[in-house]
Amino acid sequence: MLEKAHGPDDSLEQSASTAAYDTTRRRGARPDRFWSTRRVPAGLLALVLLAATGLLLYDLASVRADRPAMAWRRTLADELATRPLDDVWVRVGAGAAVLVGLWLLVLAATPGLRALLTMRTDAPVRAGLERAAAALVLRDRAMEVAGVRSVRVKVGRRRVRASAQAHFRDLDEVRGDLDLALEDGIRELGLARQPALSVQVRRPAKR
């Protein structure tokens, strides 16, 4: 498919193609993603809860020992008993608590590690491939195609996008060879879920 690109330079030619791959794993099972351990959020939450719980238990023990409660707890109890619900600080505190709760729920329900792609393997040990490394491998394969001057490859979780510049040969021929080279490259990556492919080839901008 050869088409004219409309833009500042109407003489710029480009050729584009898209291809869909089987995105299902063998036996129809969906490939499992790697889950992040969330060390930083979990550690911060644990420290906050530990400090708050320790301070509260210390104050309760002081009250049991016939000592007056800490000023902060008396002030907090008075504020909660007397401050109206439509107060701006009550709303701000409630909104902050909701946002923090939603953030923790999202962290708990999502796997994270979006830069790591699951690889296909029959061994009990799971393997993963960085998206940046996969893009580098596919870029090297694309640069081997005759006529390709430069190429940018972006590897997503569901699609690989390649944008190349060709300084000679017909654009459709270059794009066809790029399709074949990148198809083979994607298969050789051994991903459990092979992404779709989108290739765009154009001439360098005239100076």
C-alpha atoms as a PDB file:
ATOM      1  CA  MET A   1       0.000   0.000   0.000  1.00  0.00           C
ATOM      2  CA  LEU A   2       1.633   3.205  -1.217  1.00  0.00           C
ATOM      3  CA  GLU A   3       0.051   6.497  -0.305  1.00  0.00           C
ATOM      4  CA  LYS A   4       0.772  10.192  -0.242  1.00  0.00           C
ATOM      5  CA  ALA A   5       1.254  11.730   3.187  1.00  0.00           C
ATOM      6  CA  HIS A   6      -0.446  15.094   3.593  1.00  0.00           C
ATOM      7  CA  GLY A   7       1.654  17.571   5.485  1.00  0.00           C
ATOM      8  CA  PRO A   8       4.108  20.394   4.992  1.00  0.00           C
ATOM      9  CA  ASP A   9       5.773  18.426   2.183  1.00  0.00           C
ATOM     10  CA  ASP A  10       3.100  16.908  -0.082  1.00  0.00           C
ATOM     11  CA  SER A  11       5.744  14.954  -2.005  1.00  0.00           C
ATOM     12  CA  LEU A  12       6.539  12.785   1.016  1.00  0.00           C
ATOM     13  CA  GLU A  13       5.716   9.160   0.260  1.00  0.00           C
ATOM     14  CA  GLN A  14       5.046   6.465   2.784  1.00  0.00           C
ATOM     15  CA  SER A  15       3.979   2.848   2.915  1.00  0.00           C
ATOM     16  CA  ALA A  16       2.238   1.284   5.891  1.00  0.00           C
ATOM     17  CA  SER A  17       1.002  -2.144   6.869  1.00  0.00           C
ATOM     18  CA  THR A  18      -0.449  -3.913   9.854  1.00  0.00           C
ATOM     19  CA  ALA A  19      -0.558  -7.598  10.698  1.00  0.00           C
ATOM     20  CA  ALA A  20      -2.373  -9.464  13.446  1.00  0.00           C
ATOM     21  CA  TYR A  21      -0.894 -12.411  15.280  1.00  0.00           C
ATOM     22  CA  ASP A  22      -2.376 -15.132  17.406  1.00  0.00           C
ATOM     23  CA  THR A  23      -2.394 -13.564  20.866  1.00  0.00           C
ATOM     24  CA  THR A  24      -3.493 -16.683  22.716  1.00  0.00           C
ATOM     25  CA  ARG A  25      -1.251 -19.157  24.408  1.00  0.00           C
ATOM     26  CA  ARG A  26      -1.213 -22.840  23.678  1.00  0.00           C
ATOM     27  CA  ARG A  27      -4.318 -24.649  25.001  1.00  0.00           C
ATOM     28  CA  GLY A  28      -6.136 -21.298  25.090  1.00  0.00           C
ATOM     29  CA  ALA A  29      -4.632 -20.247  28.411  1.00  0.00           C
ATOM     30  CA  ARG A  30      -3.795 -16.631  28.969  1.00  0.00           C
ATOM     31  CA  PRO A  31      -0.090 -16.063  29.709  1.00  0.00           C
ATOM     32  CA  ASP A  32       0.600 -15.041  33.282  1.00  0.00           C
ATOM     33  CA  ARG A  33       2.296 -11.720  33.841  1.00  0.00           C
ATOM     34  CA  PHE A  34       4.995 -11.055  36.385  1.00  0.00           C
ATOM     35  CA  TRP A  35       3.754  -9.361  39.547  1.00  0.00           C
ATOM     36  CA  SER A  36       5.685  -6.571  41.194  1.00  0.00           C
ATOM     37  CA  THR A  37       6.567  -7.006  44.862  1.00  0.00           C
ATOM     38  CA  ARG A  38       5.646  -3.322  45.511  1.00  0.00           C
ATOM     39  CA  ARG A  39       8.421  -2.986  48.077  1.00  0.00           C
ATOM     40  CA  VAL A  40       8.339   0.811  48.321  1.00  0.00           C
ATOM     41  CA  PRO A  41       4.540   1.266  48.806  1.00  0.00           C
ATOM     42  CA  ALA A  42       4.347  -1.728  51.131  1.00  0.00           C
ATOM     43  CA  GLY A  43       7.304  -0.506  53.171  1.00  0.00           C
ATOM     44  CA  LEU A  44       5.932   3.035  53.497  1.00  0.00           C
ATOM     45  CA  LEU A  45       2.495   1.778  54.504  1.00  0.00           C
ATOM     46  CA  ALA A  46       4.016  -0.607  57.049  1.00  0.00           C
ATOM     47  CA  LEU A  47       6.111   2.191  58.589  1.00  0.00           C
ATOM     48  CA  VAL A  48       3.126   4.545  58.841  1.00  0.00           C
ATOM     49  CA  LEU A  49       0.922   1.885  60.421  1.00  0.00           C
ATOM     50  CA  LEU A  50       3.689   0.836  62.800  1.00  0.00           C
ATOM     51  CA  ALA A  51       4.299   4.403  63.971  1.00  0.00           C
ATOM     52  CA  ALA A  52       0.589   5.192  64.384  1.00  0.00           C
ATOM     53  CA  THR A  53      -0.168   1.930  66.187  1.00  0.00           C
ATOM     54  CA  GLY A  54       2.838   2.244  68.482  1.00  0.00           C
ATOM     55  CA  LEU A  55       1.970   5.820  69.417  1.00  0.00           C
ATOM     56  CA  LEU A  56      -1.664   4.920  70.108  1.00  0.00           C
ATOM     57  CA  LEU A  57      -0.749   1.896  72.238  1.00  0.00           C
ATOM     58  CA  TYR A  58       1.731   3.983  74.227  1.00  0.00           C
ATOM     59  CA  ASP A  59      -0.928   6.606  74.945  1.00  0.00           C
ATOM     60  CA  LEU A  60      -3.491   3.968  75.957  1.00  0.00           C
ATOM     61  CA  ALA A  61      -0.960   2.390  78.305  1.00  0.00           C
ATOM     62  CA  SER A  62      -0.271   5.819  79.843  1.00  0.00           C
ATOM     63  CA  VAL A  63      -3.983   6.383  80.449  1.00  0.00           C
ATOM     64  CA  ARG A  64      -4.249   2.940  82.071  1.00  0.00           C
ATOM     65  CA  ALA A  65      -1.396   3.965  84.358  1.00  0.00           C
ATOM     66  CA  ASP A  66      -3.474   6.965  85.574  1.00  0.00           C
ATOM     67  CA  ARG A  67      -1.574   9.463  83.472  1.00  0.00           C
ATOM     68  CA  PRO A  68      -3.279  12.106  81.328  1.00  0.00           C
ATOM     69  CA  ALA A  69      -3.778  11.360  77.651  1.00  0.00           C
ATOM     70  CA  MET A  70      -1.494  13.040  75.174  1.00  0.00           C
ATOM     71  CA  ALA A  71      -2.524  16.457  73.944  1.00  0.00           C
ATOM     72  CA  TRP A  72      -2.794  15.335  70.337  1.00  0.00           C
ATOM     73  CA  ARG A  73      -5.335  12.625  71.223  1.00  0.00           C
ATOM     74  CA  ARG A  74      -7.447  14.992  73.306  1.00  0.00           C
ATOM     75  CA  THR A  75      -7.356  17.574  70.522  1.00  0.00           C
ATOM     76  CA  LEU A  76      -8.245  14.961  67.915  1.00  0.00           C
ATOM     77  CA  ALA A  77     -11.161  13.670  69.997  1.00  0.00           C
ATOM     78  CA  ASP A  78     -12.482  17.203  70.487  1.00  0.00           C
ATOM     79  CA  GLU A  79     -12.164  17.999  66.778  1.00  0.00           C
ATOM     80  CA  LEU A  80     -13.963  14.818  65.747  1.00  0.00           C
ATOM     81  CA  ALA A  81     -16.763  15.529  68.245  1.00  0.00           C
ATOM     82  CA  THR A  82     -17.274  19.209  67.456  1.00  0.00           C
ATOM     83  CA  ARG A  83     -16.204  19.842  63.858  1.00  0.00           C
ATOM     84  CA  PRO A  84     -19.122  19.628  61.335  1.00  0.00           C
ATOM     85  CA  LEU A  85     -18.966  17.174  58.443  1.00  0.00           C
ATOM     86  CA  ASP A  86     -19.140  19.932  55.821  1.00  0.00           C
ATOM     87  CA  ASP A  87     -15.957  21.541  57.136  1.00  0.00           C
ATOM     88  CA  VAL A  88     -13.311  22.006  54.464  1.00  0.00           C
ATOM     89  CA  TRP A  89     -10.621  20.148  56.410  1.00  0.00           C
ATOM     90  CA  VAL A  90     -12.931  17.197  56.991  1.00  0.00           C
ATOM     91  CA  ARG A  91     -13.591  17.013  53.267  1.00  0.00           C
ATOM     92  CA  VAL A  92      -9.909  17.327  52.432  1.00  0.00           C
ATOM     93  CA  GLY A  93      -9.002  14.571  54.880  1.00  0.00           C
ATOM     94  CA  ALA A  94     -11.762  12.302  53.592  1.00  0.00           C
ATOM     95  CA  GLY A  95     -10.724  12.913  49.990  1.00  0.00           C
ATOM     96  CA  ALA A  96      -7.085  12.169  50.777  1.00  0.00           C
ATOM     97  CA  ALA A  97      -8.061   8.951  52.550  1.00  0.00           C
ATOM     98  CA  VAL A  98     -10.172   7.871  49.556  1.00  0.00           C
ATOM     99  CA  LEU A  99      -7.338   8.590  47.118  1.00  0.00           C
ATOM    100  CA  VAL A 100      -4.828   6.662  49.203  1.00  0.00           C
ATOM    101  CA  GLY A 101      -7.265   3.741  49.496  1.00  0.00           C
ATOM    102  CA  LEU A 102      -7.895   3.686  45.743  1.00  0.00           C
ATOM    103  CA  TRP A 103      -4.162   3.832  45.081  1.00  0.00           C
ATOM    104  CA  LEU A 104      -3.566   0.849  47.364  1.00  0.00           C
ATOM    105  CA  LEU A 105      -6.417  -1.096  45.720  1.00  0.00           C
ATOM    106  CA  VAL A 106      -4.961  -0.443  42.259  1.00  0.00           C
ATOM    107  CA  LEU A 107      -1.532  -1.591  43.425  1.00  0.00           C
ATOM    108  CA  ALA A 108      -3.045  -4.731  44.926  1.00  0.00           C
ATOM    109  CA  ALA A 109      -5.144  -5.610  41.848  1.00  0.00           C
ATOM    110  CA  THR A 110      -2.625  -4.897  39.070  1.00  0.00           C
ATOM    111  CA  PRO A 111       0.550  -6.875  38.362  1.00  0.00           C
ATOM    112  CA  GLY A 112       2.831  -3.983  37.455  1.00  0.00           C
ATOM    113  CA  LEU A 113       6.174  -4.652  35.723  1.00  0.00           C
ATOM    114  CA  ARG A 114       4.735  -3.488  32.408  1.00  0.00           C
ATOM    115  CA  ALA A 115       8.221  -3.365  30.877  1.00  0.00           C
ATOM    116  CA  LEU A 116       8.620  -7.144  31.265  1.00  0.00           C
ATOM    117  CA  LEU A 117       7.116  -9.474  28.643  1.00  0.00           C
ATOM    118  CA  THR A 118       6.349 -13.100  29.489  1.00  0.00           C
ATOM    119  CA  MET A 119       8.209 -15.601  27.346  1.00  0.00           C
ATOM    120  CA  ARG A 120       6.924 -18.964  26.144  1.00  0.00           C
ATOM    121  CA  THR A 121       8.512 -21.902  27.935  1.00  0.00           C
ATOM    122  CA  ASP A 122       7.638 -25.466  28.866  1.00  0.00           C
ATOM    123  CA  ALA A 123      10.009 -25.458  31.821  1.00  0.00           C
ATOM    124  CA  PRO A 124       8.760 -24.887  35.382  1.00  0.00           C
ATOM    125  CA  VAL A 125      10.884 -21.707  35.553  1.00  0.00           C
ATOM    126  CA  ARG A 126       9.198 -18.656  34.059  1.00  0.00           C
ATOM    127  CA  ALA A 127      11.202 -16.350  31.818  1.00  0.00           C
ATOM    128  CA  GLY A 128      10.716 -12.720  30.895  1.00  0.00           C
ATOM    129  CA  LEU A 129      12.104 -10.274  28.329  1.00  0.00           C
ATOM    130  CA  GLU A 130      12.474  -6.532  28.749  1.00  0.00           C
ATOM    131  CA  ARG A 131      10.543  -4.529  26.175  1.00  0.00           C
ATOM    132  CA  ALA A 132      13.584  -2.320  25.558  1.00  0.00           C
ATOM    133  CA  ALA A 133      15.716  -5.395  24.791  1.00  0.00           C
ATOM    134  CA  ALA A 134      13.052  -6.764  22.435  1.00  0.00           C
ATOM    135  CA  ALA A 135      12.907  -3.415  20.632  1.00  0.00           C
ATOM    136  CA  LEU A 136      16.692  -3.414  20.231  1.00  0.00           C
ATOM    137  CA  VAL A 137      16.676  -6.933  18.753  1.00  0.00           C
ATOM    138  CA  LEU A 138      13.907  -6.068  16.295  1.00  0.00           C
ATOM    139  CA  ARG A 139      15.635  -2.827  15.334  1.00  0.00           C
ATOM    140  CA  ASP A 140      18.794  -4.736  14.444  1.00  0.00           C
ATOM    141  CA  ARG A 141      16.730  -7.111  12.293  1.00  0.00           C
ATOM    142  CA  ALA A 142      15.059  -4.198  10.537  1.00  0.00           C
ATOM    143  CA  MET A 143      18.380  -2.480   9.781  1.00  0.00           C
ATOM    144  CA  GLU A 144      19.454  -5.589   7.828  1.00  0.00           C
ATOM    145  CA  VAL A 145      16.737  -4.934   5.230  1.00  0.00           C
ATOM    146  CA  ALA A 146      18.103  -3.390   2.045  1.00  0.00           C
ATOM    147  CA  GLY A 147      17.064   0.213   1.565  1.00  0.00           C
ATOM    148  CA  VAL A 148      16.398   0.974   5.229  1.00  0.00           C
ATOM    149  CA  ARG A 149      18.251   4.089   6.293  1.00  0.00           C
ATOM    150  CA  SER A 150      16.960   4.330   9.869  1.00  0.00           C
ATOM    151  CA  VAL A 151      14.210   2.729  11.906  1.00  0.00           C
ATOM    152  CA  ARG A 152      12.505   3.207  15.246  1.00  0.00           C
ATOM    153  CA  VAL A 153      10.869   0.228  16.925  1.00  0.00           C
ATOM    154  CA  LYS A 154       8.495   0.492  19.864  1.00  0.00           C
ATOM    155  CA  VAL A 155       7.419  -2.725  21.566  1.00  0.00           C
ATOM    156  CA  GLY A 156       4.167  -2.588  23.485  1.00  0.00           C
ATOM    157  CA  ARG A 157       2.341  -5.335  25.298  1.00  0.00           C
ATOM    158  CA  ARG A 158      -0.043  -5.902  22.373  1.00  0.00           C
ATOM    159  CA  ARG A 159       1.590  -4.264  19.358  1.00  0.00           C
ATOM    160  CA  VAL A 160       5.005  -3.685  17.817  1.00  0.00           C
ATOM    161  CA  ARG A 161       5.276  -0.424  15.891  1.00  0.00           C
ATOM    162  CA  ALA A 162       8.115   0.144  13.453  1.00  0.00           C
ATOM    163  CA  SER A 163       8.717   3.433  11.650  1.00  0.00           C
ATOM    164  CA  ALA A 164      11.474   3.331   9.029  1.00  0.00           C
ATOM    165  CA  GLN A 165      13.034   5.663   6.480  1.00  0.00           C
ATOM    166  CA  ALA A 166      14.078   4.258   3.106  1.00  0.00           C
ATOM    167  CA  HIS A 167      16.507   6.147   0.892  1.00  0.00           C
ATOM    168  CA  PHE A 168      16.258   3.826  -2.138  1.00  0.00           C
ATOM    169  CA  ARG A 169      14.073   0.978  -3.485  1.00  0.00           C
ATOM    170  CA  ASP A 170      10.325   1.083  -3.806  1.00  0.00           C
ATOM    171  CA  LEU A 171       8.580   1.767  -0.509  1.00  0.00           C
ATOM    172  CA  ASP A 172       6.194  -1.169  -0.879  1.00  0.00           C
ATOM    173  CA  GLU A 173       9.112  -3.525  -1.460  1.00  0.00           C
ATOM    174  CA  VAL A 174      10.961  -2.205   1.587  1.00  0.00           C
ATOM    175  CA  ARG A 175       7.840  -2.463   3.690  1.00  0.00           C
ATOM    176  CA  GLY A 176       7.217  -6.040   2.526  1.00  0.00           C
ATOM    177  CA  ASP A 177      10.764  -7.074   3.440  1.00  0.00           C
ATOM    178  CA  LEU A 178      10.401  -5.321   6.787  1.00  0.00           C
ATOM    179  CA  ASP A 179       7.182  -7.185   7.455  1.00  0.00           C
ATOM    180  CA  LEU A 180       8.894 -10.515   6.825  1.00  0.00           C
ATOM    181  CA  ALA A 181      12.008  -9.638   8.843  1.00  0.00           C
ATOM    182  CA  LEU A 182      10.047  -8.356  11.829  1.00  0.00           C
ATOM    183  CA  GLU A 183       7.586 -11.270  11.701  1.00  0.00           C
ATOM    184  CA  ASP A 184      10.503 -13.682  11.963  1.00  0.00           C
ATOM    185  CA  GLY A 185      12.071 -11.539  14.689  1.00  0.00           C
ATOM    186  CA  ILE A 186       8.876 -11.514  16.756  1.00  0.00           C
ATOM    187  CA  ARG A 187       8.527 -15.283  16.479  1.00  0.00           C
ATOM    188  CA  GLU A 188      12.155 -15.794  17.491  1.00  0.00           C
ATOM    189  CA  LEU A 189      11.619 -13.710  20.634  1.00  0.00           C
ATOM    190  CA  GLY A 190       9.606 -16.630  21.998  1.00  0.00           C
ATOM    191  CA  LEU A 191       6.925 -14.526  23.653  1.00  0.00           C
ATOM    192  CA  ALA A 192       3.955 -16.266  25.242  1.00  0.00           C
ATOM    193  CA  ARG A 193       1.687 -13.632  23.741  1.00  0.00           C
ATOM    194  CA  GLN A 194       2.921 -12.467  20.361  1.00  0.00           C
ATOM    195  CA  PRO A 195       2.005  -8.841  19.632  1.00  0.00           C
ATOM    196  CA  ALA A 196       0.527  -7.503  16.423  1.00  0.00           C
ATOM    197  CA  LEU A 197       2.827  -5.729  13.974  1.00  0.00           C
ATOM    198  CA  SER A 198       2.473  -2.269  12.454  1.00  0.00           C
ATOM    199  CA  VAL A 199       5.077  -1.095   9.923  1.00  0.00           C
ATOM    200  CA  GLN A 200       5.382   2.337   8.346  1.00  0.00           C
ATOM    201  CA  VAL A 201       8.002   3.255   5.745  1.00  0.00           C
ATOM    202  CA  ARG A 202       8.605   6.725   4.353  1.00  0.00           C
ATOM    203  CA  ARG A 203      11.155   8.765   2.496  1.00  0.00           C
ATOM    204  CA  PRO A 204      13.468  11.082   4.441  1.00  0.00           C
ATOM    205  CA  ALA A 205      12.268  14.670   4.550  1.00  0.00           C
ATOM    206  CA  LYS A 206      13.724  16.783   1.779  1.00  0.00           C
ATOM    207  CA  ARG A 207      16.040  19.565   2.874  1.00  0.00           C
END
